[in-house]
Amino acid sequence: MSLLPERTALSFRRLRSEKASPASVLELARAYANRMPATHVFSHATAALIHGVWLPTRLETDRRLHVSVPLGARPPQMTGIIGHQYSCKVFQIVGGLAVTTLLQTWLDLGASLSRVELVAAADFLCSGREPRHTPDELRTVATALYGRRGCRSLRQAAILARAAVDSPQETKTRLFLVDSGVPEPIVNFEIVDAQGRFVARVDLSWPRFRLCIEYEGDVHRSDARQFRSDITRRERVEEQGWRMIRITDDDLKHGGEELLRRVRAALTARGARW
């Protein structure tokens, strides 16, 4: 089914972005879309960026466009474009661009992302108050995959996917701790007081031991209002008998040994045994 008016594809080397070079992948995609045949759609990493899916830096900064064409058709043979073929994929329009659906895009990334990266992307699909997909749905779809590159990785990632994860750093921290033998923390647990009133929603936690981890991005340091709010929030959490461990990007560097030591010590001090 045609998604866009039929056009004749021109040499990618002649495309120009409206903005000064170097153009972003999104700018290049919009430039190519003006010349893209109706049966062609953006896919793989390009579709992921259009959807807003987190990608590792090596893919986020790769300015080559991924374009899929119907099975049997000839993929684009142009500088700066990586061609693929599709058989029965589902498409949609996002920001005026024809792309593979969010779920199909995740499946297409199965062969190019590492285990942790693929779980982070899966968590994105299941994030938010009104998630577009659920971990159970990803497991059902991934289980049915056979005979394609990355299907085993997709099945493993679907098993590890969780709902309501707010950032890829939370995913990386969760998997790092589990891989290190620490009991898996609960994602976005809501702490309430003795009267059942909401106190805080914490990133990762072990409610039985009243221990939680909060990931602090740059905004927590650069925004004065956010900084003051964080102090009050931490005090309220600790008033309920909880211990809060605050971490940043640096805590996962150099093997994360210090983070692991802190978490293990805190869990042990609160009676955890494993």
C-alpha atoms as a PDB file:
ATOM      1  CA  MET A   1       0.000   0.000   0.000  1.00  0.00           C
ATOM      2  CA  SER A   2       1.397   3.412  -0.936  1.00  0.00           C
ATOM      3  CA  LEU A   3       2.109   5.722   1.950  1.00  0.00           C
ATOM      4  CA  LEU A   4       3.449   8.713   0.036  1.00  0.00           C
ATOM      5  CA  PRO A   5       3.007  10.110  -3.477  1.00  0.00           C
ATOM      6  CA  GLU A   6       5.188   8.268  -5.990  1.00  0.00           C
ATOM      7  CA  ARG A   7       8.464  10.055  -6.630  1.00  0.00           C
ATOM      8  CA  THR A   8      11.643   9.346  -8.512  1.00  0.00           C
ATOM      9  CA  ALA A   9      14.645   8.738  -6.262  1.00  0.00           C
ATOM     10  CA  LEU A  10      17.609  11.039  -6.864  1.00  0.00           C
ATOM     11  CA  SER A  11      21.230  10.612  -5.910  1.00  0.00           C
ATOM     12  CA  PHE A  12      21.649  10.927  -2.163  1.00  0.00           C
ATOM     13  CA  ARG A  13      24.814  12.934  -2.747  1.00  0.00           C
ATOM     14  CA  ARG A  14      22.680  15.763  -4.126  1.00  0.00           C
ATOM     15  CA  LEU A  15      20.502  16.042  -1.033  1.00  0.00           C
ATOM     16  CA  ARG A  16      20.882  19.145   1.037  1.00  0.00           C
ATOM     17  CA  SER A  17      19.494  19.949   4.448  1.00  0.00           C
ATOM     18  CA  GLU A  18      17.911  23.342   5.103  1.00  0.00           C
ATOM     19  CA  LYS A  19      20.333  23.772   8.005  1.00  0.00           C
ATOM     20  CA  ALA A  20      24.073  24.199   7.852  1.00  0.00           C
ATOM     21  CA  SER A  21      26.255  21.088   7.636  1.00  0.00           C
ATOM     22  CA  PRO A  22      26.651  18.740   9.365  1.00  0.00           C
ATOM     23  CA  ALA A  23      22.953  17.869   9.173  1.00  0.00           C
ATOM     24  CA  SER A  24      21.334  15.590  11.745  1.00  0.00           C
ATOM     25  CA  VAL A  25      19.941  12.197  10.773  1.00  0.00           C
ATOM     26  CA  LEU A  26      16.418  13.614  11.091  1.00  0.00           C
ATOM     27  CA  GLU A  27      17.246  16.516   8.771  1.00  0.00           C
ATOM     28  CA  LEU A  28      18.758  14.138   6.239  1.00  0.00           C
ATOM     29  CA  ALA A  29      15.693  11.876   6.483  1.00  0.00           C
ATOM     30  CA  ARG A  30      13.391  14.796   5.753  1.00  0.00           C
ATOM     31  CA  ALA A  31      15.544  15.767   2.780  1.00  0.00           C
ATOM     32  CA  TYR A  32      15.472  12.225   1.385  1.00  0.00           C
ATOM     33  CA  ALA A  33      11.728  11.863   2.044  1.00  0.00           C
ATOM     34  CA  ASN A  34      11.070  14.574  -0.553  1.00  0.00           C
ATOM     35  CA  ARG A  35      12.481  12.201  -3.197  1.00  0.00           C
ATOM     36  CA  MET A  36      11.591   8.823  -1.709  1.00  0.00           C
ATOM     37  CA  PRO A  37       9.348   6.422  -3.674  1.00  0.00           C
ATOM     38  CA  ALA A  38       5.970   5.678  -2.086  1.00  0.00           C
ATOM     39  CA  THR A  39       6.844   2.065  -1.242  1.00  0.00           C
ATOM     40  CA  HIS A  40      10.038   2.966   0.633  1.00  0.00           C
ATOM     41  CA  VAL A  41      10.042   3.523   4.405  1.00  0.00           C
ATOM     42  CA  PHE A  42      12.629   4.451   6.991  1.00  0.00           C
ATOM     43  CA  SER A  43      13.601   1.517   9.209  1.00  0.00           C
ATOM     44  CA  HIS A  44      16.166   0.173  11.691  1.00  0.00           C
ATOM     45  CA  ALA A  45      18.256   2.870  13.434  1.00  0.00           C
ATOM     46  CA  THR A  46      16.772   5.696  11.345  1.00  0.00           C
ATOM     47  CA  ALA A  47      13.234   4.711  12.325  1.00  0.00           C
ATOM     48  CA  ALA A  48      14.347   4.403  15.951  1.00  0.00           C
ATOM     49  CA  LEU A  49      15.641   7.981  15.956  1.00  0.00           C
ATOM     50  CA  ILE A  50      12.421   9.237  14.340  1.00  0.00           C
ATOM     51  CA  HIS A  51      10.387   7.424  17.014  1.00  0.00           C
ATOM     52  CA  GLY A  52      12.617   8.869  19.737  1.00  0.00           C
ATOM     53  CA  VAL A  53      14.005   5.505  20.856  1.00  0.00           C
ATOM     54  CA  TRP A  54      17.263   5.680  22.801  1.00  0.00           C
ATOM     55  CA  LEU A  55      20.223   4.448  20.756  1.00  0.00           C
ATOM     56  CA  PRO A  56      23.912   4.039  21.623  1.00  0.00           C
ATOM     57  CA  THR A  57      26.171   6.844  20.406  1.00  0.00           C
ATOM     58  CA  ARG A  58      27.635   4.787  17.552  1.00  0.00           C
ATOM     59  CA  LEU A  59      24.176   4.525  15.946  1.00  0.00           C
ATOM     60  CA  GLU A  60      22.839   7.897  17.030  1.00  0.00           C
ATOM     61  CA  THR A  61      25.695   9.692  15.288  1.00  0.00           C
ATOM     62  CA  ASP A  62      25.783   7.466  12.178  1.00  0.00           C
ATOM     63  CA  ARG A  63      24.398   9.753   9.462  1.00  0.00           C
ATOM     64  CA  ARG A  64      23.618   6.938   7.027  1.00  0.00           C
ATOM     65  CA  LEU A  65      19.884   6.397   6.489  1.00  0.00           C
ATOM     66  CA  HIS A  66      18.245   2.973   6.710  1.00  0.00           C
ATOM     67  CA  VAL A  67      15.528   2.518   4.089  1.00  0.00           C
ATOM     68  CA  SER A  68      13.410  -0.616   3.577  1.00  0.00           C
ATOM     69  CA  VAL A  69      11.716  -1.587   0.312  1.00  0.00           C
ATOM     70  CA  PRO A  70       9.220  -4.372  -0.557  1.00  0.00           C
ATOM     71  CA  LEU A  71      10.572  -7.912  -0.820  1.00  0.00           C
ATOM     72  CA  GLY A  72      11.766  -8.462  -4.372  1.00  0.00           C
ATOM     73  CA  ALA A  73      12.320  -4.769  -5.063  1.00  0.00           C
ATOM     74  CA  ARG A  74      15.793  -3.344  -5.423  1.00  0.00           C
ATOM     75  CA  PRO A  75      16.978  -1.423  -2.343  1.00  0.00           C
ATOM     76  CA  PRO A  76      18.359   2.089  -2.953  1.00  0.00           C
ATOM     77  CA  GLN A  77      21.905   2.059  -4.329  1.00  0.00           C
ATOM     78  CA  MET A  78      23.000   5.451  -3.101  1.00  0.00           C
ATOM     79  CA  THR A  79      25.801   6.943  -1.083  1.00  0.00           C
ATOM     80  CA  GLY A  80      24.695   7.369   2.539  1.00  0.00           C
ATOM     81  CA  ILE A  81      21.792   4.909   2.419  1.00  0.00           C
ATOM     82  CA  ILE A  82      21.687   1.354   3.766  1.00  0.00           C
ATOM     83  CA  GLY A  83      18.987  -0.612   1.979  1.00  0.00           C
ATOM     84  CA  HIS A  84      16.816  -3.411   3.406  1.00  0.00           C
ATOM     85  CA  GLN A  85      13.827  -5.418   2.250  1.00  0.00           C
ATOM     86  CA  TYR A  86      10.527  -6.089   4.016  1.00  0.00           C
ATOM     87  CA  SER A  87       7.830  -8.681   3.453  1.00  0.00           C
ATOM     88  CA  CYS A  88       4.844  -8.102   5.735  1.00  0.00           C
ATOM     89  CA  LYS A  89       5.931  -5.257   7.958  1.00  0.00           C
ATOM     90  CA  VAL A  90       3.565  -2.638   9.359  1.00  0.00           C
ATOM     91  CA  PHE A  91       4.226   1.045   8.745  1.00  0.00           C
ATOM     92  CA  GLN A  92       3.042   4.361  10.097  1.00  0.00           C
ATOM     93  CA  ILE A  93       3.612   8.081   9.646  1.00  0.00           C
ATOM     94  CA  VAL A  94       5.600   9.838  12.372  1.00  0.00           C
ATOM     95  CA  GLY A  95       6.279  13.543  12.026  1.00  0.00           C
ATOM     96  CA  GLY A  96       5.340  13.348   8.359  1.00  0.00           C
ATOM     97  CA  LEU A  97       7.829  10.526   7.686  1.00  0.00           C
ATOM     98  CA  ALA A  98       6.979   6.957   6.677  1.00  0.00           C
ATOM     99  CA  VAL A  99       8.600   4.604   9.193  1.00  0.00           C
ATOM    100  CA  THR A 100       8.302   1.063  10.438  1.00  0.00           C
ATOM    101  CA  THR A 101       6.156   0.775  13.561  1.00  0.00           C
ATOM    102  CA  LEU A 102       7.792   1.070  16.954  1.00  0.00           C
ATOM    103  CA  LEU A 103       7.575  -2.681  17.573  1.00  0.00           C
ATOM    104  CA  GLN A 104       8.892  -3.594  14.118  1.00  0.00           C
ATOM    105  CA  THR A 105      11.714  -1.109  14.553  1.00  0.00           C
ATOM    106  CA  TRP A 106      12.775  -2.822  17.802  1.00  0.00           C
ATOM    107  CA  LEU A 107      12.703  -6.198  16.055  1.00  0.00           C
ATOM    108  CA  ASP A 108      14.859  -4.828  13.231  1.00  0.00           C
ATOM    109  CA  LEU A 109      17.448  -3.647  15.770  1.00  0.00           C
ATOM    110  CA  GLY A 110      17.889  -7.155  17.165  1.00  0.00           C
ATOM    111  CA  ALA A 111      21.020  -7.838  15.151  1.00  0.00           C
ATOM    112  CA  SER A 112      22.741  -4.471  15.743  1.00  0.00           C
ATOM    113  CA  LEU A 113      22.320  -3.823  19.476  1.00  0.00           C
ATOM    114  CA  SER A 114      24.058  -5.491  22.403  1.00  0.00           C
ATOM    115  CA  ARG A 115      22.054  -7.301  25.073  1.00  0.00           C
ATOM    116  CA  VAL A 116      21.909  -4.310  27.424  1.00  0.00           C
ATOM    117  CA  GLU A 117      21.181  -1.883  24.568  1.00  0.00           C
ATOM    118  CA  LEU A 118      18.365  -4.066  23.271  1.00  0.00           C
ATOM    119  CA  VAL A 119      16.787  -4.261  26.745  1.00  0.00           C
ATOM    120  CA  ALA A 120      17.066  -0.470  27.082  1.00  0.00           C
ATOM    121  CA  ALA A 121      15.230  -0.089  23.773  1.00  0.00           C
ATOM    122  CA  ALA A 122      12.610  -2.628  24.905  1.00  0.00           C
ATOM    123  CA  ASP A 123      12.130  -0.712  28.158  1.00  0.00           C
ATOM    124  CA  PHE A 124      11.488   2.416  26.062  1.00  0.00           C
ATOM    125  CA  LEU A 125       8.652   0.632  24.256  1.00  0.00           C
ATOM    126  CA  CYS A 126       7.091  -0.179  27.633  1.00  0.00           C
ATOM    127  CA  SER A 127       7.721   3.190  29.301  1.00  0.00           C
ATOM    128  CA  GLY A 128       5.359   5.978  30.305  1.00  0.00           C
ATOM    129  CA  ARG A 129       1.989   6.128  32.003  1.00  0.00           C
ATOM    130  CA  GLU A 130       0.317   4.894  28.825  1.00  0.00           C
ATOM    131  CA  PRO A 131       2.901   2.509  27.315  1.00  0.00           C
ATOM    132  CA  ARG A 132       2.550   1.559  23.671  1.00  0.00           C
ATOM    133  CA  HIS A 133       3.620  -2.011  24.421  1.00  0.00           C
ATOM    134  CA  THR A 134       3.992  -4.309  27.417  1.00  0.00           C
ATOM    135  CA  PRO A 135       6.794  -6.709  28.347  1.00  0.00           C
ATOM    136  CA  ASP A 136       4.376  -9.617  27.895  1.00  0.00           C
ATOM    137  CA  GLU A 137       3.597  -8.447  24.367  1.00  0.00           C
ATOM    138  CA  LEU A 138       7.290  -8.231  23.506  1.00  0.00           C
ATOM    139  CA  ARG A 139       7.837 -11.744  24.862  1.00  0.00           C
ATOM    140  CA  THR A 140       4.950 -13.124  22.799  1.00  0.00           C
ATOM    141  CA  VAL A 141       6.240 -11.551  19.589  1.00  0.00           C
ATOM    142  CA  ALA A 142       9.890 -12.443  20.232  1.00  0.00           C
ATOM    143  CA  THR A 143       9.061 -16.050  21.108  1.00  0.00           C
ATOM    144  CA  ALA A 144       7.490 -16.513  17.671  1.00  0.00           C
ATOM    145  CA  LEU A 145      10.626 -15.339  15.845  1.00  0.00           C
ATOM    146  CA  TYR A 146      12.715 -17.914  14.042  1.00  0.00           C
ATOM    147  CA  GLY A 147      15.189 -17.904  11.204  1.00  0.00           C
ATOM    148  CA  ARG A 148      16.231 -14.275  11.347  1.00  0.00           C
ATOM    149  CA  ARG A 149      19.322 -12.550  12.662  1.00  0.00           C
ATOM    150  CA  GLY A 150      19.017 -11.419  16.243  1.00  0.00           C
ATOM    151  CA  CYS A 151      15.965 -13.495  17.152  1.00  0.00           C
ATOM    152  CA  ARG A 152      17.724 -15.124  20.114  1.00  0.00           C
ATOM    153  CA  SER A 153      18.877 -11.723  21.398  1.00  0.00           C
ATOM    154  CA  LEU A 154      15.350 -10.364  21.035  1.00  0.00           C
ATOM    155  CA  ARG A 155      13.896 -13.235  23.049  1.00  0.00           C
ATOM    156  CA  GLN A 156      16.442 -12.703  25.811  1.00  0.00           C
ATOM    157  CA  ALA A 157      15.836  -8.938  25.830  1.00  0.00           C
ATOM    158  CA  ALA A 158      12.057  -9.395  25.982  1.00  0.00           C
ATOM    159  CA  ILE A 159      12.428 -11.574  29.085  1.00  0.00           C
ATOM    160  CA  LEU A 160      14.435  -8.783  30.750  1.00  0.00           C
ATOM    161  CA  ALA A 161      12.158  -5.911  29.679  1.00  0.00           C
ATOM    162  CA  ARG A 162      10.247  -4.089  32.417  1.00  0.00           C
ATOM    163  CA  ALA A 163       7.422  -1.552  32.384  1.00  0.00           C
ATOM    164  CA  ALA A 164       7.666   2.081  33.534  1.00  0.00           C
ATOM    165  CA  VAL A 165      11.454   2.448  33.212  1.00  0.00           C
ATOM    166  CA  ASP A 166      12.286   6.146  32.853  1.00  0.00           C
ATOM    167  CA  SER A 167      15.746   6.070  31.258  1.00  0.00           C
ATOM    168  CA  PRO A 168      18.356   3.797  29.653  1.00  0.00           C
ATOM    169  CA  GLN A 169      20.648   4.490  32.623  1.00  0.00           C
ATOM    170  CA  GLU A 170      18.100   2.852  34.920  1.00  0.00           C
ATOM    171  CA  THR A 171      18.054  -0.160  32.608  1.00  0.00           C
ATOM    172  CA  LYS A 172      21.853  -0.365  32.579  1.00  0.00           C
ATOM    173  CA  THR A 173      22.000  -0.084  36.377  1.00  0.00           C
ATOM    174  CA  ARG A 174      19.333  -2.748  36.883  1.00  0.00           C
ATOM    175  CA  LEU A 175      21.022  -5.231  34.562  1.00  0.00           C
ATOM    176  CA  PHE A 176      24.451  -4.515  36.001  1.00  0.00           C
ATOM    177  CA  LEU A 177      23.235  -5.331  39.509  1.00  0.00           C
ATOM    178  CA  VAL A 178      21.377  -8.471  38.424  1.00  0.00           C
ATOM    179  CA  ASP A 179      24.364  -9.688  36.406  1.00  0.00           C
ATOM    180  CA  SER A 180      26.504  -9.128  39.521  1.00  0.00           C
ATOM    181  CA  GLY A 181      24.308 -11.431  41.588  1.00  0.00           C
ATOM    182  CA  VAL A 182      22.245  -8.810  43.397  1.00  0.00           C
ATOM    183  CA  PRO A 183      18.492  -9.534  43.711  1.00  0.00           C
ATOM    184  CA  GLU A 184      16.588  -7.677  40.992  1.00  0.00           C
ATOM    185  CA  PRO A 185      15.228  -4.315  42.164  1.00  0.00           C
ATOM    186  CA  ILE A 186      11.663  -3.218  41.478  1.00  0.00           C
ATOM    187  CA  VAL A 187      11.233  -0.423  38.929  1.00  0.00           C
ATOM    188  CA  ASN A 188       9.469   2.811  39.933  1.00  0.00           C
ATOM    189  CA  PHE A 189       8.103   1.661  43.273  1.00  0.00           C
ATOM    190  CA  GLU A 190       5.779   4.116  45.056  1.00  0.00           C
ATOM    191  CA  ILE A 191       6.630   4.830  48.680  1.00  0.00           C
ATOM    192  CA  VAL A 192       3.721   5.838  50.921  1.00  0.00           C
ATOM    193  CA  ASP A 193       3.563   6.948  54.545  1.00  0.00           C
ATOM    194  CA  ALA A 194       1.761   5.234  57.436  1.00  0.00           C
ATOM    195  CA  GLN A 195      -1.533   6.794  56.313  1.00  0.00           C
ATOM    196  CA  GLY A 196      -1.087   5.537  52.754  1.00  0.00           C
ATOM    197  CA  ARG A 197      -0.272   8.978  51.373  1.00  0.00           C
ATOM    198  CA  PHE A 198       2.120   9.186  48.438  1.00  0.00           C
ATOM    199  CA  VAL A 199       5.683  10.138  49.369  1.00  0.00           C
ATOM    200  CA  ALA A 200       7.817   9.409  46.299  1.00  0.00           C
ATOM    201  CA  ARG A 201       8.266   7.174  43.286  1.00  0.00           C
ATOM    202  CA  VAL A 202      11.810   5.791  43.276  1.00  0.00           C
ATOM    203  CA  ASP A 203      13.780   4.495  40.287  1.00  0.00           C
ATOM    204  CA  LEU A 204      14.979   1.134  41.630  1.00  0.00           C
ATOM    205  CA  SER A 205      14.182  -0.391  45.001  1.00  0.00           C
ATOM    206  CA  TRP A 206      14.065  -3.361  47.316  1.00  0.00           C
ATOM    207  CA  PRO A 207      10.890  -2.567  49.316  1.00  0.00           C
ATOM    208  CA  ARG A 208      11.389  -5.438  51.752  1.00  0.00           C
ATOM    209  CA  PHE A 209      14.647  -3.824  52.898  1.00  0.00           C
ATOM    210  CA  ARG A 210      13.516  -0.212  52.435  1.00  0.00           C
ATOM    211  CA  LEU A 211      16.430   0.520  50.145  1.00  0.00           C
ATOM    212  CA  CYS A 212      16.247   2.456  46.897  1.00  0.00           C
ATOM    213  CA  ILE A 213      18.474   3.838  44.144  1.00  0.00           C
ATOM    214  CA  GLU A 214      17.885   7.176  42.461  1.00  0.00           C
ATOM    215  CA  TYR A 215      19.641   8.056  39.212  1.00  0.00           C
ATOM    216  CA  GLU A 216      20.634  11.733  39.077  1.00  0.00           C
ATOM    217  CA  GLY A 217      20.987  13.275  35.626  1.00  0.00           C
ATOM    218  CA  ASP A 218      22.678  16.598  34.880  1.00  0.00           C
ATOM    219  CA  VAL A 219      19.466  18.547  35.509  1.00  0.00           C
ATOM    220  CA  HIS A 220      19.595  17.511  39.166  1.00  0.00           C
ATOM    221  CA  ARG A 221      22.871  19.434  39.509  1.00  0.00           C
ATOM    222  CA  SER A 222      22.306  22.375  37.161  1.00  0.00           C
ATOM    223  CA  ASP A 223      18.732  23.320  38.126  1.00  0.00           C
ATOM    224  CA  ALA A 224      18.620  25.034  41.540  1.00  0.00           C
ATOM    225  CA  ARG A 225      14.913  24.374  42.022  1.00  0.00           C
ATOM    226  CA  GLN A 226      15.343  20.688  41.168  1.00  0.00           C
ATOM    227  CA  PHE A 227      18.316  20.494  43.525  1.00  0.00           C
ATOM    228  CA  ARG A 228      16.276  21.869  46.440  1.00  0.00           C
ATOM    229  CA  SER A 229      13.377  19.579  45.571  1.00  0.00           C
ATOM    230  CA  ASP A 230      15.723  16.577  45.614  1.00  0.00           C
ATOM    231  CA  ILE A 231      16.872  17.421  49.127  1.00  0.00           C
ATOM    232  CA  THR A 232      13.309  17.635  50.446  1.00  0.00           C
ATOM    233  CA  ARG A 233      12.326  14.469  48.607  1.00  0.00           C
ATOM    234  CA  ARG A 234      15.237  12.508  50.041  1.00  0.00           C
ATOM    235  CA  GLU A 235      14.404  13.669  53.575  1.00  0.00           C
ATOM    236  CA  ARG A 236      10.777  12.587  53.159  1.00  0.00           C
ATOM    237  CA  VAL A 237      11.850   9.170  51.888  1.00  0.00           C
ATOM    238  CA  GLU A 238      14.267   8.681  54.768  1.00  0.00           C
ATOM    239  CA  GLU A 239      11.594   9.743  57.252  1.00  0.00           C
ATOM    240  CA  GLN A 240       9.778   6.565  56.239  1.00  0.00           C
ATOM    241  CA  GLY A 241      12.787   4.478  57.284  1.00  0.00           C
ATOM    242  CA  TRP A 242      14.224   4.114  53.788  1.00  0.00           C
ATOM    243  CA  ARG A 243      17.866   4.393  52.739  1.00  0.00           C
ATOM    244  CA  MET A 244      18.461   6.162  49.416  1.00  0.00           C
ATOM    245  CA  ILE A 245      21.557   5.610  47.274  1.00  0.00           C
ATOM    246  CA  ARG A 246      21.997   8.370  44.704  1.00  0.00           C
ATOM    247  CA  ILE A 247      24.060   7.615  41.596  1.00  0.00           C
ATOM    248  CA  THR A 248      25.239   9.320  38.394  1.00  0.00           C
ATOM    249  CA  ASP A 249      26.713   8.195  35.082  1.00  0.00           C
ATOM    250  CA  ASP A 250      30.127   7.924  36.716  1.00  0.00           C
ATOM    251  CA  ASP A 251      28.960   5.118  39.007  1.00  0.00           C
ATOM    252  CA  LEU A 252      28.755   2.674  36.095  1.00  0.00           C
ATOM    253  CA  LYS A 253      32.232   3.500  34.808  1.00  0.00           C
ATOM    254  CA  HIS A 254      35.327   1.409  35.562  1.00  0.00           C
ATOM    255  CA  GLY A 255      33.281  -1.733  36.035  1.00  0.00           C
ATOM    256  CA  GLY A 256      30.901  -0.218  38.576  1.00  0.00           C
ATOM    257  CA  GLU A 257      32.804  -1.801  41.463  1.00  0.00           C
ATOM    258  CA  GLU A 258      32.135   1.016  43.933  1.00  0.00           C
ATOM    259  CA  LEU A 259      28.416   1.079  43.126  1.00  0.00           C
ATOM    260  CA  LEU A 260      28.215  -2.671  43.616  1.00  0.00           C
ATOM    261  CA  ARG A 261      30.024  -2.393  46.952  1.00  0.00           C
ATOM    262  CA  ARG A 262      27.639   0.322  48.155  1.00  0.00           C
ATOM    263  CA  VAL A 263      24.522  -1.609  47.162  1.00  0.00           C
ATOM    264  CA  ARG A 264      25.716  -4.899  48.624  1.00  0.00           C
ATOM    265  CA  ALA A 265      26.744  -3.210  51.886  1.00  0.00           C
ATOM    266  CA  ALA A 266      23.404  -1.411  52.203  1.00  0.00           C
ATOM    267  CA  LEU A 267      21.390  -4.567  51.489  1.00  0.00           C
ATOM    268  CA  THR A 268      23.461  -6.613  53.922  1.00  0.00           C
ATOM    269  CA  ALA A 269      23.090  -3.956  56.633  1.00  0.00           C
ATOM    270  CA  ARG A 270      19.324  -4.199  56.191  1.00  0.00           C
ATOM    271  CA  GLY A 271      19.217  -7.951  56.526  1.00  0.00           C
ATOM    272  CA  ALA A 272      19.396  -9.159  52.926  1.00  0.00           C
ATOM    273  CA  ARG A 273      20.945 -12.563  52.312  1.00  0.00           C
ATOM    274  CA  TRP A 274      21.545 -14.158  48.931  1.00  0.00           C
END
